Amino acid sequence: LPMLVARLRPVLDGLDEAYELLAVD
């Protein structure tokens, strides 16, 4: 999970689009 957050957040923040990350536990 920490590695996923570290890689996924920069990708989504860089889209310049409103987004949500829906983590289904």
mmCIF file of all heavy atoms, coordinates in Angstrom:
data_MODEL
# 
_entry.id   MODEL 
# 
loop_
_atom_site.group_PDB 
_atom_site.id 
_atom_site.type_symbol 
_atom_site.label_atom_id 
_atom_site.label_alt_id 
_atom_site.label_comp_id 
_atom_site.label_asym_id 
_atom_site.label_entity_id 
_atom_site.label_seq_id 
_atom_site.pdbx_PDB_ins_code 
_atom_site.Cartn_x 
_atom_site.Cartn_y 
_atom_site.Cartn_z 
_atom_site.occupancy 
_atom_site.B_iso_or_equiv 
_atom_site.pdbx_formal_charge 
_atom_site.auth_seq_id 
_atom_site.auth_comp_id 
_atom_site.auth_asym_id 
_atom_site.auth_atom_id 
_atom_site.pdbx_PDB_model_num 
ATOM 1   N N   . LEU A 1 1  ? 0.798   -1.225 0.000   1.00 0.00 ? 1  LEU A N   1 
ATOM 2   C CA  . LEU A 1 1  ? 0.000   0.000  0.000   1.00 0.00 ? 1  LEU A CA  1 
ATOM 3   C C   . LEU A 1 1  ? 0.834   1.281  0.000   1.00 0.00 ? 1  LEU A C   1 
ATOM 4   O O   . LEU A 1 1  ? 0.538   2.206  -0.778  1.00 0.00 ? 1  LEU A O   1 
ATOM 5   C CB  . LEU A 1 1  ? -0.967  -0.018 1.186   1.00 0.00 ? 1  LEU A CB  1 
ATOM 6   C CG  . LEU A 1 1  ? -1.993  1.113  1.251   1.00 0.00 ? 1  LEU A CG  1 
ATOM 7   C CD1 . LEU A 1 1  ? -2.746  1.247  -0.064  1.00 0.00 ? 1  LEU A CD1 1 
ATOM 8   C CD2 . LEU A 1 1  ? -2.962  0.883  2.399   1.00 0.00 ? 1  LEU A CD2 1 
ATOM 9   N N   . PRO A 1 2  ? 1.888   1.411  0.829   1.00 0.00 ? 2  PRO A N   1 
ATOM 10  C CA  . PRO A 1 2  ? 2.690   2.649  0.768   1.00 0.00 ? 2  PRO A CA  1 
ATOM 11  C C   . PRO A 1 2  ? 3.312   2.887  -0.614  1.00 0.00 ? 2  PRO A C   1 
ATOM 12  O O   . PRO A 1 2  ? 3.370   4.032  -1.085  1.00 0.00 ? 2  PRO A O   1 
ATOM 13  C CB  . PRO A 1 2  ? 3.767   2.414  1.831   1.00 0.00 ? 2  PRO A CB  1 
ATOM 14  C CG  . PRO A 1 2  ? 3.162   1.422  2.773   1.00 0.00 ? 2  PRO A CG  1 
ATOM 15  C CD  . PRO A 1 2  ? 2.333   0.525  1.919   1.00 0.00 ? 2  PRO A CD  1 
ATOM 16  N N   . MET A 1 3  ? 3.744   1.829  -1.276  1.00 0.00 ? 3  MET A N   1 
ATOM 17  C CA  . MET A 1 3  ? 4.319   1.968  -2.610  1.00 0.00 ? 3  MET A CA  1 
ATOM 18  C C   . MET A 1 3  ? 3.255   2.375  -3.628  1.00 0.00 ? 3  MET A C   1 
ATOM 19  O O   . MET A 1 3  ? 3.509   3.166  -4.545  1.00 0.00 ? 3  MET A O   1 
ATOM 20  C CB  . MET A 1 3  ? 4.998   0.666  -3.026  1.00 0.00 ? 3  MET A CB  1 
ATOM 21  C CG  . MET A 1 3  ? 6.275   0.365  -2.276  1.00 0.00 ? 3  MET A CG  1 
ATOM 22  S SD  . MET A 1 3  ? 7.031   -1.216 -2.771  1.00 0.00 ? 3  MET A SD  1 
ATOM 23  C CE  . MET A 1 3  ? 6.103   -2.340 -1.725  1.00 0.00 ? 3  MET A CE  1 
ATOM 24  N N   . LEU A 1 4  ? 2.057   1.824  -3.471  1.00 0.00 ? 4  LEU A N   1 
ATOM 25  C CA  . LEU A 1 4  ? 0.961   2.185  -4.368  1.00 0.00 ? 4  LEU A CA  1 
ATOM 26  C C   . LEU A 1 4  ? 0.636   3.669  -4.242  1.00 0.00 ? 4  LEU A C   1 
ATOM 27  O O   . LEU A 1 4  ? 0.478   4.369  -5.251  1.00 0.00 ? 4  LEU A O   1 
ATOM 28  C CB  . LEU A 1 4  ? -0.276  1.343  -4.053  1.00 0.00 ? 4  LEU A CB  1 
ATOM 29  C CG  . LEU A 1 4  ? -1.554  1.714  -4.810  1.00 0.00 ? 4  LEU A CG  1 
ATOM 30  C CD1 . LEU A 1 4  ? -1.415  1.391  -6.288  1.00 0.00 ? 4  LEU A CD1 1 
ATOM 31  C CD2 . LEU A 1 4  ? -2.770  0.992  -4.225  1.00 0.00 ? 4  LEU A CD2 1 
ATOM 32  N N   . VAL A 1 5  ? 0.532   4.158  -3.009  1.00 0.00 ? 5  VAL A N   1 
ATOM 33  C CA  . VAL A 1 5  ? 0.231   5.574  -2.785  1.00 0.00 ? 5  VAL A CA  1 
ATOM 34  C C   . VAL A 1 5  ? 1.325   6.453  -3.385  1.00 0.00 ? 5  VAL A C   1 
ATOM 35  O O   . VAL A 1 5  ? 1.044   7.465  -4.041  1.00 0.00 ? 5  VAL A O   1 
ATOM 36  C CB  . VAL A 1 5  ? 0.065   5.847  -1.280  1.00 0.00 ? 5  VAL A CB  1 
ATOM 37  C CG1 . VAL A 1 5  ? -0.032  7.348  -1.012  1.00 0.00 ? 5  VAL A CG1 1 
ATOM 38  C CG2 . VAL A 1 5  ? -1.172  5.132  -0.731  1.00 0.00 ? 5  VAL A CG2 1 
ATOM 39  N N   . ALA A 1 6  ? 2.582   6.071  -3.179  1.00 0.00 ? 6  ALA A N   1 
ATOM 40  C CA  . ALA A 1 6  ? 3.712   6.867  -3.660  1.00 0.00 ? 6  ALA A CA  1 
ATOM 41  C C   . ALA A 1 6  ? 3.733   6.961  -5.184  1.00 0.00 ? 6  ALA A C   1 
ATOM 42  O O   . ALA A 1 6  ? 4.153   7.983  -5.741  1.00 0.00 ? 6  ALA A O   1 
ATOM 43  C CB  . ALA A 1 6  ? 5.023   6.269  -3.148  1.00 0.00 ? 6  ALA A CB  1 
ATOM 44  N N   . ARG A 1 7  ? 3.287   5.932  -5.886  1.00 0.00 ? 7  ARG A N   1 
ATOM 45  C CA  . ARG A 1 7  ? 3.302   5.954  -7.350  1.00 0.00 ? 7  ARG A CA  1 
ATOM 46  C C   . ARG A 1 7  ? 2.007   6.486  -7.948  1.00 0.00 ? 7  ARG A C   1 
ATOM 47  O O   . ARG A 1 7  ? 2.028   7.167  -8.981  1.00 0.00 ? 7  ARG A O   1 
ATOM 48  C CB  . ARG A 1 7  ? 3.566   4.541  -7.884  1.00 0.00 ? 7  ARG A CB  1 
ATOM 49  C CG  . ARG A 1 7  ? 5.009   4.120  -7.762  1.00 0.00 ? 7  ARG A CG  1 
ATOM 50  C CD  . ARG A 1 7  ? 5.231   2.744  -8.363  1.00 0.00 ? 7  ARG A CD  1 
ATOM 51  N NE  . ARG A 1 7  ? 4.864   2.665  -9.773  1.00 0.00 ? 7  ARG A NE  1 
ATOM 52  C CZ  . ARG A 1 7  ? 4.965   1.548  -10.486 1.00 0.00 ? 7  ARG A CZ  1 
ATOM 53  N NH1 . ARG A 1 7  ? 5.428   0.423  -9.917  1.00 0.00 ? 7  ARG A NH1 1 
ATOM 54  N NH2 . ARG A 1 7  ? 4.629   1.538  -11.759 1.00 0.00 ? 7  ARG A NH2 1 
ATOM 55  N N   . LEU A 1 8  ? 0.880   6.188  -7.315  1.00 0.00 ? 8  LEU A N   1 
ATOM 56  C CA  . LEU A 1 8  ? -0.404  6.545  -7.910  1.00 0.00 ? 8  LEU A CA  1 
ATOM 57  C C   . LEU A 1 8  ? -0.754  8.016  -7.720  1.00 0.00 ? 8  LEU A C   1 
ATOM 58  O O   . LEU A 1 8  ? -1.279  8.655  -8.641  1.00 0.00 ? 8  LEU A O   1 
ATOM 59  C CB  . LEU A 1 8  ? -1.504  5.660  -7.318  1.00 0.00 ? 8  LEU A CB  1 
ATOM 60  C CG  . LEU A 1 8  ? -2.917  5.831  -7.880  1.00 0.00 ? 8  LEU A CG  1 
ATOM 61  C CD1 . LEU A 1 8  ? -2.927  5.644  -9.388  1.00 0.00 ? 8  LEU A CD1 1 
ATOM 62  C CD2 . LEU A 1 8  ? -3.881  4.848  -7.214  1.00 0.00 ? 8  LEU A CD2 1 
ATOM 63  N N   . ARG A 1 9  ? -0.441  8.584  -6.567  1.00 0.00 ? 9  ARG A N   1 
ATOM 64  C CA  . ARG A 1 9  ? -0.849  9.968  -6.330  1.00 0.00 ? 9  ARG A CA  1 
ATOM 65  C C   . ARG A 1 9  ? -0.214  10.952 -7.310  1.00 0.00 ? 9  ARG A C   1 
ATOM 66  O O   . ARG A 1 9  ? -0.932  11.825 -7.849  1.00 0.00 ? 9  ARG A O   1 
ATOM 67  C CB  . ARG A 1 9  ? -0.554  10.370 -4.886  1.00 0.00 ? 9  ARG A CB  1 
ATOM 68  C CG  . ARG A 1 9  ? -1.066  11.777 -4.591  1.00 0.00 ? 9  ARG A CG  1 
ATOM 69  C CD  . ARG A 1 9  ? -1.021  12.164 -3.145  1.00 0.00 ? 9  ARG A CD  1 
ATOM 70  N NE  . ARG A 1 9  ? -1.662  13.458 -2.943  1.00 0.00 ? 9  ARG A NE  1 
ATOM 71  C CZ  . ARG A 1 9  ? -1.812  14.051 -1.768  1.00 0.00 ? 9  ARG A CZ  1 
ATOM 72  N NH1 . ARG A 1 9  ? -1.365  13.451 -0.667  1.00 0.00 ? 9  ARG A NH1 1 
ATOM 73  N NH2 . ARG A 1 9  ? -2.410  15.238 -1.681  1.00 0.00 ? 9  ARG A NH2 1 
ATOM 74  N N   . PRO A 1 10 ? 1.086   10.881 -7.582  1.00 0.00 ? 10 PRO A N   1 
ATOM 75  C CA  . PRO A 1 10 ? 1.643   11.822 -8.570  1.00 0.00 ? 10 PRO A CA  1 
ATOM 76  C C   . PRO A 1 10 ? 1.002   11.701 -9.945  1.00 0.00 ? 10 PRO A C   1 
ATOM 77  O O   . PRO A 1 10 ? 0.830   12.703 -10.649 1.00 0.00 ? 10 PRO A O   1 
ATOM 78  C CB  . PRO A 1 10 ? 3.128   11.443 -8.612  1.00 0.00 ? 10 PRO A CB  1 
ATOM 79  C CG  . PRO A 1 10 ? 3.398   10.773 -7.316  1.00 0.00 ? 10 PRO A CG  1 
ATOM 80  C CD  . PRO A 1 10 ? 2.141   10.056 -6.968  1.00 0.00 ? 10 PRO A CD  1 
ATOM 81  N N   . VAL A 1 11 ? 0.634   10.476 -10.325 1.00 0.00 ? 11 VAL A N   1 
ATOM 82  C CA  . VAL A 1 11 ? -0.014  10.275 -11.625 1.00 0.00 ? 11 VAL A CA  1 
ATOM 83  C C   . VAL A 1 11 ? -1.360  10.980 -11.662 1.00 0.00 ? 11 VAL A C   1 
ATOM 84  O O   . VAL A 1 11 ? -1.683  11.706 -12.612 1.00 0.00 ? 11 VAL A O   1 
ATOM 85  C CB  . VAL A 1 11 ? -0.189  8.772  -11.912 1.00 0.00 ? 11 VAL A CB  1 
ATOM 86  C CG1 . VAL A 1 11 ? -1.042  8.560  -13.162 1.00 0.00 ? 11 VAL A CG1 1 
ATOM 87  C CG2 . VAL A 1 11 ? 1.162   8.097  -12.097 1.00 0.00 ? 11 VAL A CG2 1 
ATOM 88  N N   . LEU A 1 12 ? -2.165  10.791 -10.618 1.00 0.00 ? 12 LEU A N   1 
ATOM 89  C CA  . LEU A 1 12 ? -3.506  11.378 -10.595 1.00 0.00 ? 12 LEU A CA  1 
ATOM 90  C C   . LEU A 1 12 ? -3.458  12.891 -10.400 1.00 0.00 ? 12 LEU A C   1 
ATOM 91  O O   . LEU A 1 12 ? -4.229  13.625 -11.026 1.00 0.00 ? 12 LEU A O   1 
ATOM 92  C CB  . LEU A 1 12 ? -4.336  10.711 -9.492  1.00 0.00 ? 12 LEU A CB  1 
ATOM 93  C CG  . LEU A 1 12 ? -4.570  9.208  -9.660  1.00 0.00 ? 12 LEU A CG  1 
ATOM 94  C CD1 . LEU A 1 12 ? -5.418  8.660  -8.521  1.00 0.00 ? 12 LEU A CD1 1 
ATOM 95  C CD2 . LEU A 1 12 ? -5.230  8.901  -10.998 1.00 0.00 ? 12 LEU A CD2 1 
ATOM 96  N N   . ASP A 1 13 ? -2.554  13.355 -9.544  1.00 0.00 ? 13 ASP A N   1 
ATOM 97  C CA  . ASP A 1 13 ? -2.425  14.806 -9.362  1.00 0.00 ? 13 ASP A CA  1 
ATOM 98  C C   . ASP A 1 13 ? -1.970  15.483 -10.650 1.00 0.00 ? 13 ASP A C   1 
ATOM 99  O O   . ASP A 1 13 ? -2.342  16.630 -10.929 1.00 0.00 ? 13 ASP A O   1 
ATOM 100 C CB  . ASP A 1 13 ? -1.424  15.108 -8.244  1.00 0.00 ? 13 ASP A CB  1 
ATOM 101 C CG  . ASP A 1 13 ? -1.988  14.809 -6.852  1.00 0.00 ? 13 ASP A CG  1 
ATOM 102 O OD1 . ASP A 1 13 ? -3.220  14.655 -6.730  1.00 0.00 ? 13 ASP A OD1 1 
ATOM 103 O OD2 . ASP A 1 13 ? -1.196  14.716 -5.898  1.00 0.00 ? 13 ASP A OD2 1 
ATOM 104 N N   . GLY A 1 14 ? -1.190  14.787 -11.446 1.00 0.00 ? 14 GLY A N   1 
ATOM 105 C CA  . GLY A 1 14 ? -0.674  15.361 -12.683 1.00 0.00 ? 14 GLY A CA  1 
ATOM 106 C C   . GLY A 1 14 ? -1.676  15.415 -13.819 1.00 0.00 ? 14 GLY A C   1 
ATOM 107 O O   . GLY A 1 14 ? -1.388  16.002 -14.871 1.00 0.00 ? 14 GLY A O   1 
ATOM 108 N N   . LEU A 1 15 ? -2.846  14.832 -13.640 1.00 0.00 ? 15 LEU A N   1 
ATOM 109 C CA  . LEU A 1 15 ? -3.850  14.833 -14.703 1.00 0.00 ? 15 LEU A CA  1 
ATOM 110 C C   . LEU A 1 15 ? -4.526  16.189 -14.873 1.00 0.00 ? 15 LEU A C   1 
ATOM 111 O O   . LEU A 1 15 ? -5.138  16.457 -15.904 1.00 0.00 ? 15 LEU A O   1 
ATOM 112 C CB  . LEU A 1 15 ? -4.926  13.780 -14.406 1.00 0.00 ? 15 LEU A CB  1 
ATOM 113 C CG  . LEU A 1 15 ? -4.528  12.317 -14.573 1.00 0.00 ? 15 LEU A CG  1 
ATOM 114 C CD1 . LEU A 1 15 ? -5.661  11.409 -14.097 1.00 0.00 ? 15 LEU A CD1 1 
ATOM 115 C CD2 . LEU A 1 15 ? -4.196  12.008 -16.025 1.00 0.00 ? 15 LEU A CD2 1 
ATOM 116 N N   . ASP A 1 16 ? -4.475  17.015 -13.828 1.00 0.00 ? 16 ASP A N   1 
ATOM 117 C CA  . ASP A 1 16 ? -5.163  18.305 -13.842 1.00 0.00 ? 16 ASP A CA  1 
ATOM 118 C C   . ASP A 1 16 ? -6.661  18.111 -14.066 1.00 0.00 ? 16 ASP A C   1 
ATOM 119 O O   . ASP A 1 16 ? -7.311  18.870 -14.796 1.00 0.00 ? 16 ASP A O   1 
ATOM 120 C CB  . ASP A 1 16 ? -4.565  19.230 -14.919 1.00 0.00 ? 16 ASP A CB  1 
ATOM 121 C CG  . ASP A 1 16 ? -4.974  20.689 -14.709 1.00 0.00 ? 16 ASP A CG  1 
ATOM 122 O OD1 . ASP A 1 16 ? -5.261  21.050 -13.548 1.00 0.00 ? 16 ASP A OD1 1 
ATOM 123 O OD2 . ASP A 1 16 ? -5.024  21.449 -15.685 1.00 0.00 ? 16 ASP A OD2 1 
ATOM 124 N N   . GLU A 1 17 ? -7.196  17.048 -13.461 1.00 0.00 ? 17 GLU A N   1 
ATOM 125 C CA  . GLU A 1 17 ? -8.625  16.739 -13.518 1.00 0.00 ? 17 GLU A CA  1 
ATOM 126 C C   . GLU A 1 17 ? -9.102  16.433 -12.098 1.00 0.00 ? 17 GLU A C   1 
ATOM 127 O O   . GLU A 1 17 ? -8.341  15.922 -11.271 1.00 0.00 ? 17 GLU A O   1 
ATOM 128 C CB  . GLU A 1 17 ? -8.889  15.501 -14.392 1.00 0.00 ? 17 GLU A CB  1 
ATOM 129 C CG  . GLU A 1 17 ? -8.334  15.567 -15.798 1.00 0.00 ? 17 GLU A CG  1 
ATOM 130 C CD  . GLU A 1 17 ? -9.362  16.077 -16.798 1.00 0.00 ? 17 GLU A CD  1 
ATOM 131 O OE1 . GLU A 1 17 ? -10.381 16.640 -16.356 1.00 0.00 ? 17 GLU A OE1 1 
ATOM 132 O OE2 . GLU A 1 17 ? -9.124  15.925 -18.003 1.00 0.00 ? 17 GLU A OE2 1 
ATOM 133 N N   . ALA A 1 18 ? -10.357 16.760 -11.814 1.00 0.00 ? 18 ALA A N   1 
ATOM 134 C CA  . ALA A 1 18 ? -10.936 16.352 -10.537 1.00 0.00 ? 18 ALA A CA  1 
ATOM 135 C C   . ALA A 1 18 ? -11.055 14.832 -10.517 1.00 0.00 ? 18 ALA A C   1 
ATOM 136 O O   . ALA A 1 18 ? -11.535 14.228 -11.486 1.00 0.00 ? 18 ALA A O   1 
ATOM 137 C CB  . ALA A 1 18 ? -12.302 17.001 -10.348 1.00 0.00 ? 18 ALA A CB  1 
ATOM 138 N N   . TYR A 1 19 ? -10.607 14.212 -9.446  1.00 0.00 ? 19 TYR A N   1 
ATOM 139 C CA  . TYR A 1 19 ? -10.622 12.747 -9.389  1.00 0.00 ? 19 TYR A CA  1 
ATOM 140 C C   . TYR A 1 19 ? -10.916 12.262 -7.980  1.00 0.00 ? 19 TYR A C   1 
ATOM 141 O O   . TYR A 1 19 ? -10.867 13.032 -7.006  1.00 0.00 ? 19 TYR A O   1 
ATOM 142 C CB  . TYR A 1 19 ? -9.281  12.185 -9.862  1.00 0.00 ? 19 TYR A CB  1 
ATOM 143 C CG  . TYR A 1 19 ? -8.130  12.400 -8.890  1.00 0.00 ? 19 TYR A CG  1 
ATOM 144 C CD1 . TYR A 1 19 ? -7.888  11.489 -7.849  1.00 0.00 ? 19 TYR A CD1 1 
ATOM 145 C CD2 . TYR A 1 19 ? -7.285  13.490 -9.010  1.00 0.00 ? 19 TYR A CD2 1 
ATOM 146 C CE1 . TYR A 1 19 ? -6.845  11.687 -6.955  1.00 0.00 ? 19 TYR A CE1 1 
ATOM 147 C CE2 . TYR A 1 19 ? -6.239  13.694 -8.128  1.00 0.00 ? 19 TYR A CE2 1 
ATOM 148 C CZ  . TYR A 1 19 ? -6.018  12.788 -7.108  1.00 0.00 ? 19 TYR A CZ  1 
ATOM 149 O OH  . TYR A 1 19 ? -4.993  12.985 -6.214  1.00 0.00 ? 19 TYR A OH  1 
ATOM 150 N N   . GLU A 1 20 ? -11.220 10.992 -7.883  1.00 0.00 ? 20 GLU A N   1 
ATOM 151 C CA  . GLU A 1 20 ? -11.316 10.311 -6.596  1.00 0.00 ? 20 GLU A CA  1 
ATOM 152 C C   . GLU A 1 20 ? -10.628 8.959  -6.731  1.00 0.00 ? 20 GLU A C   1 
ATOM 153 O O   . GLU A 1 20 ? -10.715 8.299  -7.767  1.00 0.00 ? 20 GLU A O   1 
ATOM 154 C CB  . GLU A 1 20 ? -12.772 10.113 -6.159  1.00 0.00 ? 20 GLU A CB  1 
ATOM 155 C CG  . GLU A 1 20 ? -13.581 9.170  -7.028  1.00 0.00 ? 20 GLU A CG  1 
ATOM 156 C CD  . GLU A 1 20 ? -14.983 8.883  -6.490  1.00 0.00 ? 20 GLU A CD  1 
ATOM 157 O OE1 . GLU A 1 20 ? -15.325 9.357  -5.392  1.00 0.00 ? 20 GLU A OE1 1 
ATOM 158 O OE2 . GLU A 1 20 ? -15.743 8.167  -7.201  1.00 0.00 ? 20 GLU A OE2 1 
ATOM 159 N N   . LEU A 1 21 ? -9.909  8.590  -5.688  1.00 0.00 ? 21 LEU A N   1 
ATOM 160 C CA  . LEU A 1 21 ? -9.348  7.245  -5.613  1.00 0.00 ? 21 LEU A CA  1 
ATOM 161 C C   . LEU A 1 21 ? -10.222 6.460  -4.660  1.00 0.00 ? 21 LEU A C   1 
ATOM 162 O O   . LEU A 1 21 ? -10.295 6.766  -3.467  1.00 0.00 ? 21 LEU A O   1 
ATOM 163 C CB  . LEU A 1 21 ? -7.907  7.278  -5.102  1.00 0.00 ? 21 LEU A CB  1 
ATOM 164 C CG  . LEU A 1 21 ? -7.297  5.915  -4.772  1.00 0.00 ? 21 LEU A CG  1 
ATOM 165 C CD1 . LEU A 1 21 ? -7.263  5.018  -6.011  1.00 0.00 ? 21 LEU A CD1 1 
ATOM 166 C CD2 . LEU A 1 21 ? -5.905  6.062  -4.188  1.00 0.00 ? 21 LEU A CD2 1 
ATOM 167 N N   . LEU A 1 22 ? -10.918 5.463  -5.182  1.00 0.00 ? 22 LEU A N   1 
ATOM 168 C CA  . LEU A 1 22 ? -11.854 4.675  -4.395  1.00 0.00 ? 22 LEU A CA  1 
ATOM 169 C C   . LEU A 1 22 ? -11.193 3.348  -4.028  1.00 0.00 ? 22 LEU A C   1 
ATOM 170 O O   . LEU A 1 22 ? -11.128 2.424  -4.833  1.00 0.00 ? 22 LEU A O   1 
ATOM 171 C CB  . LEU A 1 22 ? -13.138 4.445  -5.193  1.00 0.00 ? 22 LEU A CB  1 
ATOM 172 C CG  . LEU A 1 22 ? -14.272 3.681  -4.512  1.00 0.00 ? 22 LEU A CG  1 
ATOM 173 C CD1 . LEU A 1 22 ? -14.613 4.298  -3.160  1.00 0.00 ? 22 LEU A CD1 1 
ATOM 174 C CD2 . LEU A 1 22 ? -15.498 3.653  -5.399  1.00 0.00 ? 22 LEU A CD2 1 
ATOM 175 N N   . ALA A 1 23 ? -10.680 3.277  -2.797  1.00 0.00 ? 23 ALA A N   1 
ATOM 176 C CA  . ALA A 1 23 ? -10.042 2.059  -2.313  1.00 0.00 ? 23 ALA A CA  1 
ATOM 177 C C   . ALA A 1 23 ? -11.104 1.170  -1.679  1.00 0.00 ? 23 ALA A C   1 
ATOM 178 O O   . ALA A 1 23 ? -11.735 1.554  -0.684  1.00 0.00 ? 23 ALA A O   1 
ATOM 179 C CB  . ALA A 1 23 ? -8.961  2.398  -1.291  1.00 0.00 ? 23 ALA A CB  1 
ATOM 180 N N   . VAL A 1 24 ? -11.315 -0.006 -2.247  1.00 0.00 ? 24 VAL A N   1 
ATOM 181 C CA  . VAL A 1 24 ? -12.315 -0.946 -1.737  1.00 0.00 ? 24 VAL A CA  1 
ATOM 182 C C   . VAL A 1 24 ? -11.603 -1.960 -0.850  1.00 0.00 ? 24 VAL A C   1 
ATOM 183 O O   . VAL A 1 24 ? -10.909 -2.852 -1.343  1.00 0.00 ? 24 VAL A O   1 
ATOM 184 C CB  . VAL A 1 24 ? -13.056 -1.656 -2.884  1.00 0.00 ? 24 VAL A CB  1 
ATOM 185 C CG1 . VAL A 1 24 ? -14.143 -2.575 -2.316  1.00 0.00 ? 24 VAL A CG1 1 
ATOM 186 C CG2 . VAL A 1 24 ? -13.662 -0.641 -3.843  1.00 0.00 ? 24 VAL A CG2 1 
ATOM 187 N N   . ASP A 1 25 ? -11.764 -1.791 0.455   1.00 0.00 ? 25 ASP A N   1 
ATOM 188 C CA  . ASP A 1 25 ? -11.140 -2.700 1.412   1.00 0.00 ? 25 ASP A CA  1 
ATOM 189 C C   . ASP A 1 25 ? -12.022 -3.940 1.544   1.00 0.00 ? 25 ASP A C   1 
ATOM 190 O O   . ASP A 1 25 ? -13.084 -3.903 2.157   1.00 0.00 ? 25 ASP A O   1 
ATOM 191 C CB  . ASP A 1 25 ? -10.978 -2.001 2.759   1.00 0.00 ? 25 ASP A CB  1 
ATOM 192 C CG  . ASP A 1 25 ? -10.319 -2.890 3.803   1.00 0.00 ? 25 ASP A CG  1 
ATOM 193 O OD1 . ASP A 1 25 ? -9.863  -3.991 3.436   1.00 0.00 ? 25 ASP A OD1 1 
ATOM 194 O OD2 . ASP A 1 25 ? -10.275 -2.495 4.974   1.00 0.00 ? 25 ASP A OD2 1 
# 
